[in-house]
Protein backbone atom coordinates (compact mmCIF):
# COMPACT_ATOMS: atom_id res chain seq x y z
CA MET A 1 -79.23 38.77 -7.99
CA THR A 2 -78.86 38.03 -4.29
CA VAL A 3 -78.63 34.30 -5.00
CA PHE A 4 -75.97 34.96 -7.63
CA LYS A 5 -73.90 37.04 -5.16
CA LEU A 6 -74.16 34.33 -2.53
CA ALA A 7 -72.99 31.66 -5.01
CA VAL A 8 -70.02 33.75 -6.05
CA GLY A 9 -69.21 34.40 -2.41
CA PHE A 10 -69.31 30.73 -1.51
CA TRP A 11 -67.15 29.87 -4.53
CA LEU A 12 -64.56 32.48 -3.58
CA LEU A 13 -64.58 31.24 0.02
CA TYR A 14 -64.11 27.63 -1.16
CA ALA A 15 -61.27 28.67 -3.48
CA GLY A 16 -59.64 30.59 -0.66
CA ILE A 17 -59.87 27.62 1.68
CA ILE A 18 -58.34 25.31 -0.98
CA CYS A 19 -55.51 27.77 -1.67
CA PHE A 20 -54.88 28.18 2.05
CA TRP A 21 -54.83 24.42 2.53
CA ASN A 22 -52.43 23.88 -0.39
CA SER A 23 -50.21 26.59 1.01
CA LEU A 24 -50.14 24.84 4.37
CA VAL A 25 -49.30 21.51 2.72
CA MET A 26 -46.51 23.07 0.65
CA LEU A 27 -45.22 24.89 3.71
CA SER A 28 -45.29 21.73 5.79
CA LYS A 29 -43.30 19.89 3.10
CA LYS A 30 -40.72 22.67 3.06
CA VAL A 31 -40.59 22.70 6.84
CA PHE A 32 -40.22 18.92 6.88
CA LEU A 33 -37.44 19.08 4.29
CA LEU A 34 -35.68 21.82 6.21
CA LEU A 35 -36.00 19.84 9.41
CA LEU A 36 -34.67 16.73 7.66
CA LEU A 37 -31.68 18.63 6.29
CA PHE A 38 -31.16 20.20 9.69
CA PHE A 39 -31.10 16.86 11.45
CA MET A 40 -28.89 15.34 8.76
CA GLY A 41 -26.49 18.20 9.26
CA CYS A 42 -26.75 17.77 12.99
CA HIS A 43 -25.81 14.11 12.78
CA SER A 44 -22.89 14.84 10.49
CA TYR A 45 -21.88 17.59 12.87
CA ARG A 46 -22.40 15.35 15.88
CA THR A 47 -20.06 12.75 14.37
CA ALA A 48 -17.53 15.44 13.56
CA SER A 49 -17.92 16.69 17.11
CA ARG A 50 -17.16 13.24 18.49
CA LEU A 51 -14.01 13.06 16.36
CA ASP A 52 -13.04 16.59 17.37
CA LYS A 53 -13.57 15.77 21.04
CA THR A 54 -11.04 12.96 20.62
CA VAL A 55 -8.56 14.64 18.27
CA LEU A 56 -8.39 18.30 19.27
CA PRO A 57 -7.19 17.83 22.88
CA LEU A 58 -4.28 15.75 21.53
CA ASP A 59 -3.09 18.32 19.02
CA LYS A 60 -0.98 20.15 21.57
CA LYS A 61 1.01 17.02 22.45
CA ILE A 62 1.27 15.06 19.21
CA ASN A 63 1.25 15.77 15.49
CA ILE A 64 -1.97 14.22 14.19
CA GLY A 65 -3.65 14.42 10.79
CA MET A 66 -6.81 12.81 9.48
CA GLU A 67 -9.25 12.85 6.58
CA VAL A 68 -12.43 10.86 5.92
CA ILE A 69 -14.21 10.98 2.54
CA SER A 70 -17.57 9.46 1.60
CA LEU A 71 -17.20 7.09 -1.33
CA LYS A 72 -20.87 7.61 -2.19
CA THR A 73 -20.93 11.40 -2.40
CA GLY A 74 -17.24 12.24 -2.63
CA LYS A 75 -17.68 14.77 0.16
CA ILE A 76 -15.27 15.19 3.05
CA ILE A 77 -16.88 13.85 6.21
CA TYR A 78 -14.08 14.95 8.51
CA SER A 79 -10.62 16.45 8.26
CA HIS A 80 -7.94 17.60 10.64
CA ASN A 81 -4.58 18.89 9.41
CA PRO A 82 -5.30 17.27 6.02
CA ASP A 83 -2.58 19.22 4.18
CA ARG A 84 0.16 18.82 6.77
CA TYR A 85 3.03 16.49 5.79
CA PHE A 86 3.58 13.28 7.74
CA ILE A 87 5.98 10.35 7.59
CA PRO A 88 3.64 7.58 6.40
CA ALA A 89 5.68 4.52 7.52
CA SER A 90 4.24 1.36 5.95
CA THR A 91 1.13 3.02 4.56
CA GLU A 92 3.59 4.02 1.81
CA LYS A 93 3.18 0.44 0.60
CA VAL A 94 -0.28 1.37 -0.71
CA LEU A 95 1.32 3.64 -3.32
CA THR A 96 3.73 0.92 -4.46
CA ALA A 97 0.97 -1.69 -4.62
CA LEU A 98 -1.41 0.53 -6.61
CA ALA A 99 1.32 1.56 -9.06
CA ALA A 100 2.33 -2.09 -9.54
CA LEU A 101 -1.25 -3.29 -10.08
CA ALA A 102 -1.86 -0.64 -12.72
CA GLU A 103 1.52 -0.73 -14.47
CA LEU A 104 2.48 -4.43 -14.25
CA GLY A 105 -0.89 -6.17 -13.87
CA GLN A 106 -1.83 -8.72 -11.23
CA ASP A 107 -0.42 -11.62 -13.28
CA PHE A 108 3.12 -10.18 -13.50
CA GLN A 109 5.94 -12.54 -12.42
CA PHE A 110 9.64 -12.02 -11.74
CA LYS A 111 11.92 -14.25 -13.82
CA THR A 112 15.19 -15.98 -12.91
CA GLN A 113 16.83 -17.26 -16.08
CA LEU A 114 19.61 -19.56 -17.20
CA LEU A 115 21.07 -18.28 -20.49
CA GLU A 116 23.82 -19.58 -22.77
CA ASP A 117 25.89 -17.59 -25.28
CA LYS A 118 27.81 -18.81 -28.35
CA HIS A 119 30.93 -19.34 -26.24
CA SER A 120 29.10 -21.85 -24.01
CA ASN A 121 29.10 -19.45 -21.07
CA LEU A 122 26.20 -20.11 -18.73
CA THR A 123 24.68 -16.96 -17.21
CA ILE A 124 22.31 -16.90 -14.25
CA LYS A 125 20.31 -13.71 -14.66
CA PHE A 126 18.29 -12.37 -11.75
CA GLU A 127 15.35 -9.99 -12.10
CA GLY A 128 14.76 -9.28 -8.43
CA ASP A 129 12.42 -12.09 -7.37
CA PRO A 130 11.89 -11.25 -3.67
CA VAL A 131 10.80 -14.77 -2.69
CA LEU A 132 13.44 -16.79 -4.54
CA THR A 133 14.88 -19.56 -2.35
CA GLU A 134 17.78 -22.00 -2.39
CA GLY A 135 15.20 -24.67 -3.12
CA ASP A 136 14.13 -22.83 -6.29
CA LEU A 137 17.74 -22.66 -7.48
CA PHE A 138 18.22 -26.33 -6.59
CA ASN A 139 15.28 -27.28 -8.82
CA LEU A 140 16.49 -25.00 -11.62
CA PHE A 141 19.95 -26.61 -11.74
CA LYS A 142 18.47 -30.08 -11.32
CA GLU A 143 16.35 -29.45 -14.41
CA LEU A 144 19.46 -28.15 -16.22
CA LYS A 145 21.30 -31.42 -15.53
CA VAL A 146 18.33 -33.46 -16.73
CA LYS A 147 18.08 -31.40 -19.93
CA PHE A 148 21.84 -31.43 -20.67
CA PRO A 149 23.34 -34.43 -18.84
CA GLU A 150 26.62 -34.41 -20.82
CA LYS A 151 26.98 -30.65 -21.32
CA THR A 152 30.20 -28.90 -20.36
CA PHE A 153 30.02 -25.13 -20.00
CA ASN A 154 32.82 -22.59 -20.17
CA ASN A 155 32.37 -19.91 -17.50
CA ILE A 156 29.39 -19.70 -15.15
CA MET A 157 28.48 -16.05 -14.77
CA ILE A 158 26.21 -14.62 -12.12
CA ASP A 159 24.55 -11.51 -13.55
CA LEU A 160 23.23 -9.51 -10.61
CA ASN A 161 21.74 -7.00 -13.07
CA ASP A 162 21.66 -4.34 -10.35
CA HIS A 163 22.54 -1.27 -12.45
CA ASP A 164 24.61 0.16 -9.59
CA LEU A 165 21.59 0.30 -7.30
CA PRO A 166 22.32 0.96 -3.61
CA LEU A 167 21.55 -2.10 -1.52
CA LEU A 168 20.19 -0.06 1.36
CA MET A 169 17.48 2.51 0.74
CA PRO A 170 18.26 6.11 1.73
CA GLY A 171 17.11 6.95 5.24
CA TRP A 172 17.06 3.39 6.59
CA MET A 173 18.31 3.15 10.16
CA ILE A 174 21.36 1.02 11.05
CA GLY A 175 19.26 -1.12 13.37
CA ASP A 176 16.76 -1.77 10.59
CA ALA A 177 19.51 -2.93 8.22
CA GLU A 178 20.60 -5.57 10.73
CA SER A 179 17.13 -7.13 10.96
CA CYS A 180 15.40 -9.31 8.38
CA TYR A 181 12.63 -6.75 7.93
CA GLY A 182 15.32 -4.33 6.71
CA ALA A 183 17.41 -6.76 4.64
CA PRO A 184 19.37 -5.24 1.73
CA VAL A 185 17.54 -5.10 -1.59
CA ASN A 186 19.17 -6.09 -4.87
CA ARG A 187 18.31 -7.93 -8.07
CA ALA A 188 19.67 -11.26 -6.83
CA ILE A 189 17.63 -11.82 -3.70
CA LEU A 190 17.90 -15.25 -2.10
CA ASN A 191 16.07 -16.48 1.01
CA LYS A 192 14.93 -12.87 1.45
CA ASN A 193 18.59 -11.92 1.99
CA CYS A 194 18.43 -13.32 5.50
CA THR A 195 20.62 -15.85 7.28
CA TYR A 196 21.29 -17.15 10.80
CA ASP A 197 23.85 -15.76 13.22
CA LYS A 198 25.88 -17.73 15.75
CA GLU A 199 22.94 -17.70 18.17
CA LYS A 200 20.73 -19.14 15.41
CA GLN A 201 18.74 -15.94 15.17
CA ARG A 202 17.59 -14.77 11.73
CA VAL A 203 19.42 -11.62 10.69
CA ALA A 204 19.92 -9.71 7.47
CA VAL A 205 22.85 -10.65 5.26
CA LYS A 206 25.43 -7.87 5.51
CA VAL A 207 25.72 -5.77 2.38
CA ARG A 208 29.41 -6.55 1.95
CA HIS A 209 28.63 -10.27 1.98
CA ILE A 210 25.82 -10.28 -0.61
CA ASN A 211 27.93 -11.12 -3.68
CA ALA A 212 30.05 -13.68 -1.86
CA ALA A 213 26.95 -15.39 -0.44
CA MET A 214 25.39 -15.68 -3.89
CA LYS A 215 28.60 -17.04 -5.43
CA LYS A 216 28.88 -19.63 -2.66
CA ASN A 217 25.29 -20.74 -3.21
CA ILE A 218 25.70 -21.10 -6.97
CA LEU A 219 28.89 -23.12 -6.43
CA THR A 220 26.93 -25.39 -4.08
CA GLN A 221 24.21 -25.96 -6.71
CA VAL A 222 26.73 -26.59 -9.50
CA THR A 223 28.63 -29.08 -7.36
CA ALA A 224 25.51 -30.85 -6.08
CA HIS A 225 24.21 -31.46 -9.61
CA HIS A 226 27.62 -32.19 -11.17
CA ILE A 227 27.34 -29.35 -13.68
CA ALA A 228 30.58 -29.50 -15.70
CA TYR A 229 32.48 -26.31 -16.55
CA THR A 230 36.06 -25.52 -17.59
CA GLY A 231 36.34 -21.86 -16.61
CA LYS A 232 35.39 -19.93 -13.47
CA ILE A 233 32.32 -18.87 -11.53
CA LYS A 234 32.19 -15.08 -11.83
CA VAL A 235 29.90 -12.47 -10.26
CA TYR A 236 29.00 -9.43 -12.35
CA SER A 237 27.02 -6.51 -11.04
CA LYS A 238 27.08 -4.93 -14.48
CA LEU A 239 28.34 -6.78 -17.54
CA ARG A 240 30.28 -4.50 -19.89
CA SER A 241 29.40 -6.52 -22.96
CA ARG A 242 26.24 -8.56 -23.23
CA PRO A 243 26.57 -11.00 -26.15
CA GLU A 244 23.39 -12.49 -27.50
CA LYS A 245 22.17 -15.32 -25.33
CA THR A 246 19.70 -18.14 -25.70
CA LEU A 247 17.20 -18.90 -22.97
CA VAL A 248 17.86 -22.35 -21.52
CA LEU A 249 15.60 -22.52 -18.47
CA GLU A 250 13.47 -20.13 -16.45
CA HIS A 251 11.98 -19.96 -12.98
CA SER A 252 8.97 -17.71 -12.36
CA SER A 253 7.94 -16.13 -9.08
CA PRO A 254 4.36 -16.25 -7.81
CA SER A 255 2.07 -13.71 -9.48
CA LEU A 256 2.01 -10.07 -8.44
CA PHE A 257 -1.31 -10.61 -6.66
CA VAL A 258 0.22 -13.36 -4.50
CA LEU A 259 3.29 -11.24 -3.77
CA LEU A 260 1.14 -8.27 -2.79
CA HIS A 261 -0.90 -10.47 -0.48
CA GLU A 262 2.21 -10.95 1.64
CA GLY A 263 3.47 -7.45 0.96
CA LEU A 264 0.31 -5.75 2.26
CA LYS A 265 -1.30 -8.25 4.62
CA ASP A 266 1.96 -9.00 6.43
CA SER A 267 3.69 -5.70 5.54
CA ASP A 268 6.72 -7.39 3.94
CA ASN A 269 9.32 -4.68 3.23
CA LEU A 270 11.53 -6.69 0.87
CA ILE A 271 8.68 -7.59 -1.48
CA MET A 272 7.55 -3.99 -1.73
CA GLU A 273 11.10 -2.74 -2.29
CA ALA A 274 11.65 -5.30 -5.06
CA LEU A 275 8.47 -4.04 -6.75
CA PHE A 276 9.55 -0.43 -6.22
CA ILE A 277 12.87 -1.11 -7.97
CA LYS A 278 11.04 -2.87 -10.82
CA LEU A 279 8.77 0.15 -11.28
CA VAL A 280 11.38 2.91 -11.11
CA GLU A 281 14.67 1.37 -12.28
CA ASP A 282 14.29 1.68 -16.06
CA LYS A 283 12.73 5.13 -15.74
CA LEU A 284 15.42 6.56 -13.48
CA PRO A 285 18.80 7.77 -14.81
CA ILE A 286 21.70 6.54 -12.69
CA ASP A 287 22.89 10.08 -12.01
CA ARG A 288 19.62 11.05 -10.30
CA ALA A 289 19.99 12.13 -6.66
CA TRP A 290 18.46 9.88 -4.00
CA GLN A 291 15.78 12.51 -3.34
CA GLU A 292 14.46 11.89 -6.87
CA ARG A 293 14.44 8.09 -6.85
CA GLY A 294 10.69 8.03 -6.25
CA GLU A 295 9.79 10.40 -9.10
CA PRO A 296 8.77 7.58 -11.50
CA LEU A 297 6.42 6.22 -8.84
CA LYS A 298 4.81 9.64 -8.48
CA GLU A 299 4.36 9.77 -12.25
CA LEU A 300 2.59 6.41 -12.21
CA ILE A 301 0.25 7.54 -9.43
CA LEU A 302 -0.60 10.67 -11.45
CA LYS A 303 -1.04 8.66 -14.65
CA TYR A 304 -3.35 5.99 -13.25
CA TYR A 305 -5.02 7.71 -10.28
CA GLY A 306 -4.91 11.41 -11.13
CA VAL A 307 -3.31 12.55 -7.87
CA ASP A 308 -0.36 14.93 -8.15
CA LEU A 309 2.37 14.09 -5.63
CA ALA A 310 4.83 16.69 -6.92
CA GLU A 311 5.06 18.24 -3.45
CA ALA A 312 5.30 14.88 -1.66
CA SER A 313 8.54 13.03 -0.94
CA THR A 314 8.80 9.41 -2.09
CA VAL A 315 12.15 7.68 -1.59
CA ASP A 316 11.41 3.97 -1.10
CA GLY A 317 8.60 1.51 -1.70
CA SER A 318 8.06 0.07 1.77
CA GLY A 319 7.96 3.15 4.03
CA LEU A 320 10.94 2.07 6.10
CA THR A 321 12.73 5.37 5.44
CA ARG A 322 11.85 8.52 7.32
CA TYR A 323 12.47 10.59 4.19
CA ASN A 324 9.00 9.81 2.81
CA LEU A 325 6.45 12.61 3.34
CA ILE A 326 2.80 12.75 2.30
CA THR A 327 -0.37 14.50 3.48
CA PRO A 328 -3.54 12.76 4.70
CA HIS A 329 -5.47 14.44 1.88
CA GLN A 330 -3.08 13.14 -0.81
CA LEU A 331 -3.20 9.58 0.47
CA THR A 332 -6.98 9.59 0.92
CA ALA A 333 -7.44 11.03 -2.58
CA ILE A 334 -5.38 8.14 -4.00
CA LEU A 335 -7.56 5.65 -2.12
CA VAL A 336 -10.76 7.27 -3.42
CA SER A 337 -9.47 7.14 -6.99
CA ALA A 338 -8.39 3.49 -6.62
CA TYR A 339 -11.83 2.61 -5.24
CA LYS A 340 -13.47 4.11 -8.34
CA ASN A 341 -11.19 2.06 -10.61
CA ASN A 342 -13.05 -1.17 -11.34
CA LYS A 343 -9.84 -2.90 -12.45
CA VAL A 344 -8.08 -2.19 -9.17
CA ARG A 345 -10.76 -2.01 -6.47
CA PRO A 346 -11.47 -5.78 -6.04
CA GLU A 347 -7.77 -6.62 -5.72
CA LEU A 348 -7.00 -3.75 -3.35
CA LEU A 349 -9.91 -4.54 -1.03
CA SER A 350 -8.93 -8.21 -0.88
CA LEU A 351 -5.26 -7.43 -0.21
CA LEU A 352 -5.66 -4.98 2.67
CA PRO A 353 -5.66 -6.32 6.26
CA ILE A 354 -9.14 -6.66 7.78
CA ALA A 355 -9.79 -5.41 11.32
CA GLY A 356 -9.82 -8.25 13.84
CA ILE A 357 -9.51 -10.92 11.14
CA ASP A 358 -6.17 -11.08 9.33
CA GLY A 359 -2.80 -9.51 8.50
CA THR A 360 -1.39 -6.74 10.64
CA LEU A 361 -4.92 -5.91 11.88
CA LYS A 362 -5.64 -9.44 13.10
CA ASN A 363 -5.21 -8.51 16.77
CA ARG A 364 -6.78 -5.05 16.58
CA MET A 365 -10.45 -4.01 16.75
CA ARG A 366 -11.47 -7.59 17.53
CA LYS A 367 -14.56 -6.37 19.34
CA GLY A 368 -17.00 -3.55 18.66
CA LEU A 369 -18.33 -1.86 15.55
CA ALA A 370 -15.05 -1.80 13.63
CA TYR A 371 -14.59 -5.59 13.61
CA GLY A 372 -14.55 -6.71 9.98
CA LYS A 373 -15.61 -3.24 8.83
CA ILE A 374 -12.15 -1.71 8.36
CA ARG A 375 -9.80 -2.74 5.55
CA ALA A 376 -6.61 -0.74 5.86
CA LYS A 377 -2.83 -0.68 5.69
CA THR A 378 -1.07 -0.19 8.98
CA GLY A 379 2.13 1.76 9.53
CA GLY A 380 4.40 2.10 12.51
CA MET A 381 7.91 3.08 13.55
CA THR A 382 9.29 4.61 16.71
CA GLY A 383 7.17 7.71 17.34
CA LEU A 384 4.94 7.06 14.29
CA ILE A 385 1.57 5.37 13.82
CA SER A 386 -0.63 5.43 10.72
CA LEU A 387 -3.63 3.68 9.20
CA ALA A 388 -5.12 4.21 5.73
CA GLY A 389 -7.83 2.37 3.86
CA PHE A 390 -11.58 1.87 3.74
CA GLY A 391 -14.47 1.39 6.11
CA GLU A 392 -18.19 0.76 6.06
CA ASP A 393 -20.51 2.50 8.50
CA LYS A 394 -23.58 1.04 10.22
CA ARG A 395 -25.78 1.91 7.22
CA GLY A 396 -23.43 0.12 4.84
CA GLU A 397 -22.06 3.37 3.38
CA ALA A 398 -18.39 3.10 2.37
CA PHE A 399 -15.71 5.70 3.11
CA ALA A 400 -11.97 6.13 2.59
CA PHE A 401 -9.78 7.46 5.37
CA THR A 402 -6.25 8.25 6.47
CA ILE A 403 -5.03 8.70 10.03
CA MET A 404 -1.43 9.70 10.74
CA ILE A 405 0.25 10.38 14.07
CA ASN A 406 3.87 11.56 14.16
CA GLN A 407 6.23 12.71 16.87
CA PHE A 408 4.79 11.08 19.96
CA VAL A 409 6.72 9.89 22.98
CA GLY A 410 5.66 6.89 24.98
CA SER A 411 3.60 3.81 24.29
CA ALA A 412 2.83 2.99 20.67
CA GLU A 413 0.04 0.79 21.99
CA ASP A 414 -1.75 3.85 23.35
CA GLN A 415 -1.64 5.48 19.91
CA ARG A 416 -2.88 2.33 18.18
CA ASN A 417 -5.77 2.22 20.64
CA LEU A 418 -6.51 5.86 19.80
CA VAL A 419 -6.57 5.08 16.07
CA ASP A 420 -8.86 2.10 16.71
CA HIS A 421 -11.20 4.32 18.73
CA LEU A 422 -11.35 6.83 15.86
CA CYS A 423 -12.32 3.95 13.56
CA GLU A 424 -15.15 3.05 15.94
CA ILE A 425 -16.49 6.61 15.72
CA MET A 426 -16.27 6.59 11.92
CA ILE A 427 -18.17 3.31 11.73
CA ASP A 428 -20.86 4.75 14.03
CA HIS A 429 -21.43 7.70 11.66
CA GLN A 430 -24.93 7.96 10.17
CA TYR A 431 -25.81 10.02 7.13
CA LEU A 432 -29.58 10.08 7.80
CA LEU A 433 -31.81 10.23 10.85
CA GLY A 434 -31.13 7.48 13.32
CA LYS A 435 -30.26 6.68 16.87
CA GLU A 436 -26.84 7.83 17.84
CA LYS A 437 -25.54 8.14 21.34
CA VAL A 438 -23.52 11.33 21.70
CA ASP A 439 -20.70 11.22 24.22
């Protein structure tokens, strides 16, 4: 009996030791997990702290908003004034580009056509090709002469096809409208609606001279190629009657992808405005107020990217107007949605300027962690700086971000340097344990 009691005692002791040991192991795993989560949180907090240390002291002097979202988890890494409205400047071009890619497709081309009706009237119909040149028209009329060497036309009609569109976007500054980057936008764009002044400086063609300049150019082409006609050369902004016409010849612009390369990389306003008009024109009644001219673009963003911009203000396609208003959260949400869209993501990433390498970011972030790791659209006007796009941190984790600074006085270079510094901090972010120097 004594031996039996001893055996039972030893067995109970052994079982107790095993249970105690398993409890310690389980506890240690929980402790380790808690510690891991703690340190992960610490590092996320430490990165947020570094951003806060940079951003918060500035909030009393300038209007600054920012949001950073992980593209892996969808979680917000950092935000500051994410729901405050800002003037986006040229980051507005991202909306136009994304709407165009989804609605028109990357192979879309603008057409410039020569048409003939039953009365032998020759019509030059413009669709808004933003890169059409005198050379393109020269080749078009040269081909016409080769195709119909003995043809005599009646009238030669220039169909501007502008549907009473204003040539200057609402909110554009007078100084902008005098420069090539703010040239008037219509459906018959030629040489980017720019010319040379008496000092041989490139300037925008004045709005009141647009029709006359086009008529003069067509007359030059007709004369140079000996195109015979018995009537007159007439300019129509809106033909009252449009008799059935037969397509004679056609010139196509480069593809949408090529146009967007210049529109985003080099921030070309005219290209983006031409695309904006193409996207909204047929969906916008003429009697709509200027404040509503961007409504069709908002509808396209909601349709393809699921982001409601009902409370935002969209007036043009390039961001040159100060009437545009959007929040950092709205813009970042659009970027996140576009990144998840397999049909759009490759094109968008290849079209955005790359830090230190090309486009409007070629001379920024040329050294340090952000070099080659930031792909984003720049924006800037007097008192405004913005940057929106994508980045990749040191672990290779991708994120979308928007940074907007409005209402500052002084050097724009200082604000660009600030934005570049914020990008450096974002790139240095680590999601797991690692070495991070805290300022």
